[in-house]
Amino acid sequence: MKTLTKILSFAALSISFTTSNLQADTLADVMKTEGIDKMLGTWVDADTNGEMLRITYKWKIKGHSVEVNLKTEDSTSSALIVFDQASEEVLHMGVNSKGELGRGTWSAQDGVAILDLTQTGADGQEVEMKISHKVVDKNSMTLGLEMKATGEGGELALVRPAKKAKKKTQGE
């Protein structure tokens, strides 16, 4: 019962992610219609093949919720993305290993997925940012970050992770 209560509490904290004039039944419909379904899968920073940053977008409940797992040099985070049919908004809710809570809304513009995120630290301080996800091709994506208060930001090139070579066993 405690687990159910925790899950319901977590769900109640979700904030929406908007789509414009969209007639969709599921998150999969939204992603396909907006052309952002290609961001599913694992991406790593191009320079270190994931030592600096590794992000995975995968179906948690096929067609209805995407789980996002992010690992950086100094933290890990997990979030859930869902589609609210009543409001036609896509909701984002997550937390990182520092206890910072992330809530936000997603939108899409010209095939670019945009997360407007408010991150609240353990001290109650809020930071608002915009994170864009532009899939360049099946093996590369550009992740953009802009701090809303200052306009400062930058971009990071992401790629699909390099495949690890299989170790040969004795006798091969």
N, C-alpha and C. Protein backbone atom coordinates (compact mmCIF):
# COMPACT_ATOMS: atom_id res chain seq x y z
N MET A 1 0.82 -1.20 0.00
CA MET A 1 0.00 0.00 0.00
C MET A 1 0.86 1.26 0.00
N LYS A 2 2.00 1.22 0.76
CA LYS A 2 2.89 2.38 0.78
C LYS A 2 3.44 2.66 -0.61
N THR A 3 3.77 1.59 -1.36
CA THR A 3 4.29 1.77 -2.71
C THR A 3 3.25 2.43 -3.59
N LEU A 4 2.00 2.01 -3.52
CA LEU A 4 0.93 2.60 -4.31
C LEU A 4 0.77 4.08 -3.95
N THR A 5 0.82 4.40 -2.68
CA THR A 5 0.70 5.78 -2.23
C THR A 5 1.84 6.62 -2.79
N LYS A 6 3.06 6.08 -2.77
CA LYS A 6 4.21 6.80 -3.31
C LYS A 6 4.05 7.04 -4.80
N ILE A 7 3.58 6.02 -5.52
CA ILE A 7 3.38 6.16 -6.96
C ILE A 7 2.33 7.21 -7.26
N LEU A 8 1.22 7.17 -6.53
CA LEU A 8 0.16 8.16 -6.76
C LEU A 8 0.63 9.56 -6.40
N SER A 9 1.42 9.69 -5.34
CA SER A 9 1.97 11.00 -4.96
C SER A 9 2.88 11.52 -6.05
N PHE A 10 3.72 10.64 -6.58
CA PHE A 10 4.63 11.02 -7.65
C PHE A 10 3.84 11.46 -8.88
N ALA A 11 2.82 10.71 -9.24
CA ALA A 11 2.01 11.03 -10.41
C ALA A 11 1.30 12.37 -10.23
N ALA A 12 0.86 12.65 -9.02
CA ALA A 12 0.15 13.90 -8.75
C ALA A 12 1.04 15.12 -8.94
N LEU A 13 2.36 14.94 -8.84
CA LEU A 13 3.29 16.05 -8.99
C LEU A 13 3.60 16.39 -10.44
N SER A 14 3.17 15.54 -11.37
CA SER A 14 3.51 15.74 -12.78
C SER A 14 2.98 17.07 -13.29
N ILE A 15 3.79 17.67 -14.16
CA ILE A 15 3.41 18.92 -14.81
C ILE A 15 3.33 18.66 -16.30
N SER A 16 2.58 19.44 -17.02
CA SER A 16 2.29 19.13 -18.40
C SER A 16 3.33 19.53 -19.42
N PHE A 17 3.21 18.90 -20.60
CA PHE A 17 4.05 19.13 -21.79
C PHE A 17 3.07 19.33 -22.93
N THR A 18 3.15 20.49 -23.58
CA THR A 18 2.08 20.88 -24.50
C THR A 18 2.37 20.56 -25.95
N THR A 19 1.31 20.33 -26.67
CA THR A 19 1.38 20.19 -28.12
C THR A 19 0.28 21.05 -28.69
N SER A 20 0.52 21.62 -29.84
CA SER A 20 -0.46 22.55 -30.39
C SER A 20 -1.44 21.87 -31.34
N ASN A 21 -2.72 22.10 -31.10
CA ASN A 21 -3.79 21.61 -31.98
C ASN A 21 -3.58 20.16 -32.43
N LEU A 22 -3.33 19.31 -31.49
CA LEU A 22 -3.00 17.93 -31.80
C LEU A 22 -4.13 17.02 -31.39
N GLN A 23 -4.58 16.19 -32.30
CA GLN A 23 -5.59 15.19 -32.00
C GLN A 23 -4.87 13.85 -31.88
N ALA A 24 -4.51 13.49 -30.66
CA ALA A 24 -3.75 12.26 -30.45
C ALA A 24 -4.38 11.47 -29.32
N ASP A 25 -4.19 10.16 -29.38
CA ASP A 25 -4.69 9.29 -28.33
C ASP A 25 -3.60 8.85 -27.37
N THR A 26 -2.36 8.80 -27.86
CA THR A 26 -1.26 8.29 -27.04
C THR A 26 -0.01 9.14 -27.22
N LEU A 27 0.95 8.93 -26.34
CA LEU A 27 2.24 9.59 -26.47
C LEU A 27 2.92 9.17 -27.77
N ALA A 28 2.77 7.91 -28.15
CA ALA A 28 3.36 7.45 -29.41
C ALA A 28 2.79 8.23 -30.59
N ASP A 29 1.48 8.51 -30.57
CA ASP A 29 0.86 9.30 -31.63
C ASP A 29 1.48 10.70 -31.70
N VAL A 30 1.65 11.32 -30.53
CA VAL A 30 2.22 12.66 -30.47
C VAL A 30 3.63 12.66 -31.05
N MET A 31 4.44 11.71 -30.59
CA MET A 31 5.84 11.67 -31.02
C MET A 31 5.95 11.42 -32.52
N LYS A 32 5.14 10.52 -33.04
CA LYS A 32 5.20 10.21 -34.47
C LYS A 32 4.71 11.39 -35.30
N THR A 33 3.59 11.99 -34.90
CA THR A 33 3.03 13.13 -35.61
C THR A 33 4.01 14.30 -35.67
N GLU A 34 4.69 14.55 -34.55
CA GLU A 34 5.63 15.67 -34.46
C GLU A 34 7.01 15.32 -35.02
N GLY A 35 7.22 14.05 -35.38
CA GLY A 35 8.50 13.63 -35.94
C GLY A 35 9.63 13.54 -34.94
N ILE A 36 9.28 13.32 -33.68
CA ILE A 36 10.32 13.28 -32.65
C ILE A 36 10.52 11.88 -32.06
N ASP A 37 9.87 10.89 -32.65
CA ASP A 37 10.03 9.52 -32.17
C ASP A 37 11.44 8.98 -32.42
N LYS A 38 12.19 9.62 -33.29
CA LYS A 38 13.55 9.18 -33.59
C LYS A 38 14.52 9.44 -32.44
N MET A 39 14.10 10.20 -31.44
CA MET A 39 14.99 10.45 -30.30
C MET A 39 15.01 9.27 -29.32
N LEU A 40 14.11 8.30 -29.49
CA LEU A 40 14.12 7.13 -28.61
C LEU A 40 15.42 6.36 -28.78
N GLY A 41 15.89 5.78 -27.69
CA GLY A 41 17.13 5.03 -27.71
C GLY A 41 18.17 5.68 -26.81
N THR A 42 19.39 5.22 -26.93
CA THR A 42 20.49 5.72 -26.10
C THR A 42 21.39 6.64 -26.92
N TRP A 43 21.78 7.72 -26.27
CA TRP A 43 22.67 8.72 -26.86
C TRP A 43 23.80 9.01 -25.87
N VAL A 44 24.98 9.28 -26.39
CA VAL A 44 26.13 9.62 -25.55
C VAL A 44 26.84 10.83 -26.13
N ASP A 45 27.63 11.50 -25.29
CA ASP A 45 28.41 12.63 -25.81
C ASP A 45 29.42 12.09 -26.81
N ALA A 46 29.61 12.81 -27.90
CA ALA A 46 30.47 12.35 -28.98
C ALA A 46 31.94 12.27 -28.57
N ASP A 47 32.37 13.15 -27.66
CA ASP A 47 33.78 13.21 -27.30
C ASP A 47 34.27 12.04 -26.45
N THR A 48 33.43 11.56 -25.52
CA THR A 48 33.90 10.52 -24.59
C THR A 48 33.12 9.22 -24.68
N ASN A 49 32.23 9.10 -25.66
CA ASN A 49 31.38 7.92 -25.83
C ASN A 49 30.64 7.56 -24.54
N GLY A 50 30.15 8.58 -23.85
CA GLY A 50 29.28 8.35 -22.70
C GLY A 50 29.90 8.52 -21.33
N GLU A 51 31.18 8.78 -21.25
CA GLU A 51 31.78 8.99 -19.92
C GLU A 51 31.31 10.30 -19.31
N MET A 52 31.06 11.31 -20.14
CA MET A 52 30.59 12.60 -19.66
C MET A 52 29.07 12.65 -19.55
N LEU A 53 28.37 12.09 -20.56
CA LEU A 53 26.92 12.14 -20.57
C LEU A 53 26.37 10.95 -21.34
N ARG A 54 25.36 10.32 -20.75
CA ARG A 54 24.64 9.21 -21.39
C ARG A 54 23.17 9.40 -21.07
N ILE A 55 22.34 9.43 -22.12
CA ILE A 55 20.90 9.63 -21.93
C ILE A 55 20.14 8.58 -22.73
N THR A 56 19.16 7.98 -22.08
CA THR A 56 18.36 6.95 -22.74
C THR A 56 16.89 7.31 -22.62
N TYR A 57 16.19 7.27 -23.76
CA TYR A 57 14.75 7.45 -23.84
C TYR A 57 14.18 6.10 -24.25
N LYS A 58 13.41 5.47 -23.39
CA LYS A 58 12.84 4.16 -23.75
C LYS A 58 11.40 4.08 -23.26
N TRP A 59 10.63 3.25 -23.96
CA TRP A 59 9.24 3.05 -23.55
C TRP A 59 9.21 2.37 -22.20
N LYS A 60 8.54 2.97 -21.26
CA LYS A 60 8.28 2.34 -19.96
C LYS A 60 7.00 1.54 -20.08
N ILE A 61 5.97 2.16 -20.66
CA ILE A 61 4.73 1.48 -21.03
C ILE A 61 4.54 1.81 -22.50
N LYS A 62 4.73 0.80 -23.34
CA LYS A 62 4.74 0.97 -24.80
C LYS A 62 3.60 1.86 -25.28
N GLY A 63 3.99 2.95 -25.95
CA GLY A 63 3.03 3.87 -26.53
C GLY A 63 2.49 4.93 -25.59
N HIS A 64 2.71 4.75 -24.28
CA HIS A 64 2.07 5.66 -23.32
C HIS A 64 3.02 6.43 -22.42
N SER A 65 4.16 5.87 -22.07
CA SER A 65 5.10 6.61 -21.22
C SER A 65 6.53 6.27 -21.61
N VAL A 66 7.35 7.31 -21.65
CA VAL A 66 8.76 7.17 -21.94
C VAL A 66 9.53 7.45 -20.66
N GLU A 67 10.45 6.55 -20.35
CA GLU A 67 11.35 6.74 -19.21
C GLU A 67 12.64 7.36 -19.75
N VAL A 68 13.10 8.39 -19.07
CA VAL A 68 14.35 9.06 -19.45
C VAL A 68 15.35 8.83 -18.34
N ASN A 69 16.50 8.27 -18.68
CA ASN A 69 17.57 8.08 -17.71
C ASN A 69 18.79 8.85 -18.20
N LEU A 70 19.33 9.69 -17.32
CA LEU A 70 20.46 10.54 -17.66
C LEU A 70 21.57 10.28 -16.65
N LYS A 71 22.77 10.06 -17.16
CA LYS A 71 23.94 9.89 -16.30
C LYS A 71 25.00 10.87 -16.78
N THR A 72 25.45 11.71 -15.85
CA THR A 72 26.54 12.64 -16.15
C THR A 72 27.69 12.31 -15.21
N GLU A 73 28.75 13.09 -15.30
CA GLU A 73 29.92 12.85 -14.44
C GLU A 73 29.59 12.98 -12.96
N ASP A 74 28.62 13.84 -12.62
CA ASP A 74 28.36 14.10 -11.20
C ASP A 74 26.95 13.76 -10.71
N SER A 75 26.09 13.22 -11.57
CA SER A 75 24.76 12.85 -11.09
C SER A 75 24.06 11.88 -12.05
N THR A 76 23.02 11.27 -11.53
CA THR A 76 22.14 10.45 -12.36
C THR A 76 20.72 10.98 -12.15
N SER A 77 19.88 10.81 -13.14
CA SER A 77 18.50 11.23 -12.98
C SER A 77 17.58 10.29 -13.75
N SER A 78 16.32 10.30 -13.33
CA SER A 78 15.30 9.50 -13.97
C SER A 78 14.05 10.35 -14.07
N ALA A 79 13.36 10.25 -15.21
CA ALA A 79 12.14 11.02 -15.41
C ALA A 79 11.15 10.18 -16.21
N LEU A 80 9.92 10.61 -16.17
CA LEU A 80 8.85 9.96 -16.91
C LEU A 80 8.14 11.01 -17.76
N ILE A 81 7.86 10.65 -19.01
CA ILE A 81 7.14 11.51 -19.94
C ILE A 81 5.83 10.81 -20.29
N VAL A 82 4.70 11.50 -20.14
CA VAL A 82 3.39 10.93 -20.46
C VAL A 82 2.54 11.96 -21.19
N PHE A 83 1.50 11.49 -21.88
CA PHE A 83 0.57 12.36 -22.59
C PHE A 83 -0.75 12.41 -21.84
N ASP A 84 -1.20 13.63 -21.51
CA ASP A 84 -2.49 13.84 -20.87
C ASP A 84 -3.51 14.12 -21.97
N GLN A 85 -4.36 13.14 -22.24
CA GLN A 85 -5.32 13.27 -23.34
C GLN A 85 -6.31 14.40 -23.12
N ALA A 86 -6.71 14.64 -21.88
CA ALA A 86 -7.71 15.66 -21.61
C ALA A 86 -7.20 17.06 -21.97
N SER A 87 -5.96 17.36 -21.62
CA SER A 87 -5.43 18.69 -21.89
C SER A 87 -4.56 18.73 -23.15
N GLU A 88 -4.31 17.55 -23.73
CA GLU A 88 -3.43 17.42 -24.88
C GLU A 88 -2.04 17.97 -24.58
N GLU A 89 -1.57 17.70 -23.37
CA GLU A 89 -0.24 18.13 -22.95
C GLU A 89 0.61 16.91 -22.64
N VAL A 90 1.90 17.04 -22.89
CA VAL A 90 2.84 15.98 -22.54
C VAL A 90 3.53 16.41 -21.25
N LEU A 91 3.46 15.55 -20.25
CA LEU A 91 3.96 15.86 -18.91
C LEU A 91 5.34 15.26 -18.68
N HIS A 92 6.17 15.97 -17.94
CA HIS A 92 7.52 15.51 -17.62
C HIS A 92 7.74 15.69 -16.12
N MET A 93 8.24 14.63 -15.48
CA MET A 93 8.51 14.69 -14.04
C MET A 93 9.71 13.82 -13.75
N GLY A 94 10.68 14.36 -13.02
CA GLY A 94 11.86 13.56 -12.72
C GLY A 94 12.59 14.05 -11.48
N VAL A 95 13.61 13.29 -11.10
CA VAL A 95 14.43 13.62 -9.95
C VAL A 95 15.85 13.15 -10.23
N ASN A 96 16.84 13.84 -9.62
CA ASN A 96 18.21 13.39 -9.81
C ASN A 96 18.82 12.95 -8.47
N SER A 97 20.05 12.43 -8.54
CA SER A 97 20.70 11.88 -7.36
C SER A 97 21.06 12.93 -6.32
N LYS A 98 20.91 14.20 -6.64
CA LYS A 98 21.15 15.28 -5.68
C LYS A 98 19.85 15.69 -4.99
N GLY A 99 18.75 15.03 -5.37
CA GLY A 99 17.45 15.35 -4.79
C GLY A 99 16.76 16.51 -5.48
N GLU A 100 17.24 16.94 -6.62
CA GLU A 100 16.62 18.03 -7.35
C GLU A 100 15.45 17.48 -8.17
N LEU A 101 14.33 18.16 -8.07
CA LEU A 101 13.11 17.74 -8.75
C LEU A 101 12.96 18.51 -10.05
N GLY A 102 12.69 17.81 -11.15
CA GLY A 102 12.48 18.47 -12.43
C GLY A 102 11.05 18.28 -12.89
N ARG A 103 10.41 19.38 -13.24
CA ARG A 103 9.05 19.35 -13.77
C ARG A 103 9.04 20.19 -15.03
N GLY A 104 8.30 19.72 -16.02
CA GLY A 104 8.31 20.52 -17.24
C GLY A 104 7.26 20.13 -18.24
N THR A 105 7.26 20.85 -19.33
CA THR A 105 6.37 20.61 -20.44
C THR A 105 7.19 20.47 -21.71
N TRP A 106 6.72 19.59 -22.58
CA TRP A 106 7.37 19.37 -23.86
C TRP A 106 6.55 20.00 -24.97
N SER A 107 7.22 20.43 -25.99
CA SER A 107 6.58 20.87 -27.22
C SER A 107 7.48 20.43 -28.37
N ALA A 108 7.00 20.58 -29.56
CA ALA A 108 7.80 20.24 -30.73
C ALA A 108 7.64 21.33 -31.76
N GLN A 109 8.76 21.66 -32.40
CA GLN A 109 8.73 22.69 -33.43
C GLN A 109 9.68 22.26 -34.55
N ASP A 110 9.16 22.07 -35.74
CA ASP A 110 9.95 21.67 -36.90
C ASP A 110 10.80 20.43 -36.62
N GLY A 111 10.19 19.43 -35.96
CA GLY A 111 10.90 18.18 -35.68
C GLY A 111 11.88 18.24 -34.53
N VAL A 112 11.90 19.34 -33.79
CA VAL A 112 12.79 19.48 -32.64
C VAL A 112 11.93 19.36 -31.38
N ALA A 113 12.30 18.44 -30.50
CA ALA A 113 11.59 18.27 -29.22
C ALA A 113 12.18 19.27 -28.23
N ILE A 114 11.30 20.02 -27.57
CA ILE A 114 11.76 21.07 -26.65
C ILE A 114 11.14 20.83 -25.28
N LEU A 115 12.00 20.73 -24.28
CA LEU A 115 11.57 20.56 -22.90
C LEU A 115 11.77 21.88 -22.16
N ASP A 116 10.68 22.48 -21.70
CA ASP A 116 10.75 23.64 -20.81
C ASP A 116 10.73 23.07 -19.40
N LEU A 117 11.85 23.16 -18.72
CA LEU A 117 12.06 22.47 -17.44
C LEU A 117 12.30 23.45 -16.31
N THR A 118 11.65 23.19 -15.19
CA THR A 118 11.94 23.90 -13.94
C THR A 118 12.54 22.89 -13.00
N GLN A 119 13.77 23.17 -12.56
CA GLN A 119 14.45 22.27 -11.64
C GLN A 119 14.51 22.93 -10.28
N THR A 120 14.02 22.22 -9.26
CA THR A 120 13.99 22.74 -7.91
C THR A 120 14.99 21.98 -7.06
N GLY A 121 15.96 22.70 -6.50
CA GLY A 121 16.99 22.10 -5.66
C GLY A 121 16.45 21.77 -4.28
N ALA A 122 17.24 21.03 -3.52
CA ALA A 122 16.86 20.66 -2.16
C ALA A 122 16.65 21.91 -1.29
N ASP A 123 17.29 23.02 -1.67
CA ASP A 123 17.16 24.27 -0.91
C ASP A 123 15.95 25.10 -1.34
N GLY A 124 15.18 24.59 -2.32
CA GLY A 124 13.99 25.29 -2.78
C GLY A 124 14.25 26.26 -3.92
N GLN A 125 15.50 26.48 -4.28
CA GLN A 125 15.84 27.37 -5.39
C GLN A 125 15.39 26.75 -6.71
N GLU A 126 14.79 27.56 -7.57
CA GLU A 126 14.33 27.07 -8.87
C GLU A 126 15.20 27.62 -9.98
N VAL A 127 15.49 26.76 -10.95
CA VAL A 127 16.22 27.14 -12.15
C VAL A 127 15.36 26.72 -13.33
N GLU A 128 15.10 27.67 -14.24
CA GLU A 128 14.30 27.37 -15.42
C GLU A 128 15.20 27.30 -16.64
N MET A 129 14.99 26.26 -17.44
CA MET A 129 15.80 26.10 -18.64
C MET A 129 14.98 25.52 -19.77
N LYS A 130 15.50 25.67 -20.96
CA LYS A 130 14.89 25.11 -22.15
C LYS A 130 15.94 24.16 -22.74
N ILE A 131 15.52 22.91 -22.97
CA ILE A 131 16.42 21.90 -23.51
C ILE A 131 15.84 21.40 -24.83
N SER A 132 16.59 21.59 -25.91
CA SER A 132 16.12 21.15 -27.22
C SER A 132 16.83 19.85 -27.62
N HIS A 133 16.11 19.03 -28.35
CA HIS A 133 16.62 17.73 -28.82
C HIS A 133 16.38 17.67 -30.32
N LYS A 134 17.43 17.89 -31.11
CA LYS A 134 17.29 17.88 -32.57
C LYS A 134 18.01 16.65 -33.13
N VAL A 135 17.23 15.70 -33.63
CA VAL A 135 17.82 14.52 -34.26
C VAL A 135 18.30 14.93 -35.64
N VAL A 136 19.60 14.81 -35.86
CA VAL A 136 20.21 15.19 -37.14
C VAL A 136 20.05 14.04 -38.13
N ASP A 137 20.38 12.84 -37.69
CA ASP A 137 20.18 11.63 -38.48
C ASP A 137 20.07 10.47 -37.49
N LYS A 138 19.99 9.24 -37.98
CA LYS A 138 19.74 8.12 -37.07
C LYS A 138 20.85 7.89 -36.05
N ASN A 139 22.03 8.49 -36.27
CA ASN A 139 23.15 8.28 -35.35
C ASN A 139 23.65 9.55 -34.68
N SER A 140 22.98 10.68 -34.88
CA SER A 140 23.44 11.91 -34.23
C SER A 140 22.28 12.83 -33.86
N MET A 141 22.45 13.49 -32.73
CA MET A 141 21.45 14.41 -32.20
C MET A 141 22.18 15.57 -31.55
N THR A 142 21.61 16.76 -31.64
CA THR A 142 22.16 17.93 -30.97
C THR A 142 21.28 18.26 -29.78
N LEU A 143 21.89 18.35 -28.62
CA LEU A 143 21.20 18.71 -27.38
C LEU A 143 21.55 20.16 -27.08
N GLY A 144 20.54 21.01 -27.02
CA GLY A 144 20.77 22.43 -26.73
C GLY A 144 20.24 22.78 -25.35
N LEU A 145 20.92 23.69 -24.67
CA LEU A 145 20.50 24.12 -23.34
C LEU A 145 20.53 25.64 -23.28
N GLU A 146 19.44 26.22 -22.78
CA GLU A 146 19.38 27.67 -22.60
C GLU A 146 18.79 27.96 -21.23
N MET A 147 19.50 28.73 -20.43
CA MET A 147 19.00 29.16 -19.13
C MET A 147 18.02 30.31 -19.39
N LYS A 148 16.79 30.18 -18.90
CA LYS A 148 15.77 31.19 -19.20
C LYS A 148 16.09 32.55 -18.58
N ALA A 149 16.67 32.59 -17.39
CA ALA A 149 16.93 33.85 -16.71
C ALA A 149 18.01 34.68 -17.40
N THR A 150 19.02 34.01 -17.95
CA THR A 150 20.17 34.73 -18.50
C THR A 150 20.30 34.61 -20.02
N GLY A 151 19.67 33.62 -20.61
CA GLY A 151 19.83 33.38 -22.03
C GLY A 151 21.12 32.63 -22.36
N GLU A 152 21.92 32.34 -21.34
CA GLU A 152 23.16 31.61 -21.56
C GLU A 152 22.85 30.16 -21.88
N GLY A 153 23.75 29.53 -22.61
CA GLY A 153 23.54 28.14 -22.95
C GLY A 153 24.60 27.62 -23.89
N GLY A 154 24.28 26.53 -24.53
CA GLY A 154 25.21 25.94 -25.46
C GLY A 154 24.61 24.69 -26.07
N GLU A 155 25.42 24.02 -26.88
CA GLU A 155 24.98 22.80 -27.54
C GLU A 155 25.99 21.70 -27.31
N LEU A 156 25.50 20.47 -27.36
CA LEU A 156 26.34 19.31 -27.20
C LEU A 156 25.96 18.30 -28.28
N ALA A 157 26.95 17.78 -28.98
CA ALA A 157 26.71 16.76 -30.00
C ALA A 157 26.61 15.40 -29.33
N LEU A 158 25.52 14.69 -29.62
CA LEU A 158 25.31 13.35 -29.10
C LEU A 158 25.31 12.36 -30.26
N VAL A 159 25.74 11.15 -29.98
CA VAL A 159 25.76 10.08 -30.97
C VAL A 159 25.25 8.81 -30.33
N ARG A 160 24.94 7.83 -31.15
CA ARG A 160 24.61 6.51 -30.61
C ARG A 160 25.91 5.94 -30.04
N PRO A 161 25.83 5.21 -28.94
CA PRO A 161 27.06 4.68 -28.34
C PRO A 161 27.76 3.69 -29.26
N ALA A 162 29.10 3.74 -29.21
CA ALA A 162 29.89 2.79 -29.99
C ALA A 162 29.68 1.40 -29.42
N LYS A 163 29.60 0.44 -30.29
CA LYS A 163 29.42 -0.94 -29.84
C LYS A 163 30.74 -1.43 -29.25
N LYS A 164 30.64 -2.13 -28.14
CA LYS A 164 31.83 -2.69 -27.51
C LYS A 164 32.19 -3.99 -28.23
N ALA A 165 33.48 -4.16 -28.44
CA ALA A 165 33.95 -5.38 -29.11
C ALA A 165 33.75 -6.57 -28.18
N LYS A 166 33.28 -7.67 -28.76
CA LYS A 166 33.09 -8.89 -27.97
C LYS A 166 34.44 -9.50 -27.66
N LYS A 167 34.59 -9.94 -26.42
CA LYS A 167 35.83 -10.60 -26.03
C LYS A 167 35.80 -12.05 -26.52
N LYS A 168 36.89 -12.45 -27.10
CA LYS A 168 36.98 -13.83 -27.56
C LYS A 168 37.26 -14.73 -26.37
N THR A 169 36.57 -15.84 -26.36
CA THR A 169 36.83 -16.81 -25.31
C THR A 169 37.81 -17.84 -25.81
N GLN A 170 38.49 -18.48 -24.89
CA GLN A 170 39.47 -19.47 -25.26
C GLN A 170 38.81 -20.58 -26.06
N GLY A 171 39.49 -21.05 -27.09
CA GLY A 171 38.94 -22.12 -27.90
C GLY A 171 38.27 -21.63 -29.16
N GLU A 172 38.20 -20.30 -29.38
CA GLU A 172 37.59 -19.77 -30.61
C GLU A 172 38.61 -19.66 -31.69
